[in-house]
Amino acid sequence: MKKLRRIVLKIMNAISVVIIFCSIAVLLTIVFTKSGEAPNFFGYSMFRVMTGSMAPKIPTDALIVVRHVDPDTLSVGDVITFYSRDPSIQGEINTHRIVQMERNGQDITFYTKGDANNVEDRYPTKKEDLIGKVIYSSVGLGKLIRLISNPLLFIPLIILPLAFLLISSIAESITIARKLAREEEEAAVREAVEAIRKEKKEKEV
């Protein structure tokens, strides 16, 4: 039973370390991202969709993973994430499908449209506005992130379990350290007793 408990604790500790590492990495990425730019983690960015303009393929609350790509590699039909030039949303990040492209030398203009929209976007997208190409989307992960981002749920679901794992790990480490110290003391006592016995026998001889 104790062996199984140790195995479970080790697995939980490993998971907690991974979660903490990922959290720190994401936090550092966000902190060091310049104002007005999308966080970039090894060439990828993640966003949660706030509107239904790309439904049903990418509905509201879906989490999307965007890979930063060379604009020249894109083609009609790709779903891209970009900084919108539409004044009504003041340069906010948008995700729509490419329906037409125009090339003029080194310049590329993308004409986009939301799958659920009746008309194309009024303002085209230049390649300098591009963030990347959507390569993955998940409604389940998006809803999960929305839930855990709520402080009322983040503390009991994330902070408290991690605190429990940390305290359990520290307690186990202290127990092991005490056990090792006790074993070392007992070994030292046995060695001392054995040395005294050996010395006594030598004197008798």
Foldseek 3Di string as FASTA:
>chain_A
DVVVVVVVLVVLVVVLVVVVVVVVLQVVQVVPDDPPDFRADPQKGKDAAQAQLQPPVAGHLKIWIFGADDPVPDDFFFKFWFQDPDVVVPRDIDIFGFHDWDDDPPKIWTWTGHPNDPDTDPDIDTPVGTSGTTDDIGNVVSVVCVQCVPPVNVCVPPVVVSVVSVVVVVVVVVVVVVVVVVVVVVVVVVVVVVVVVVVVVVVVD
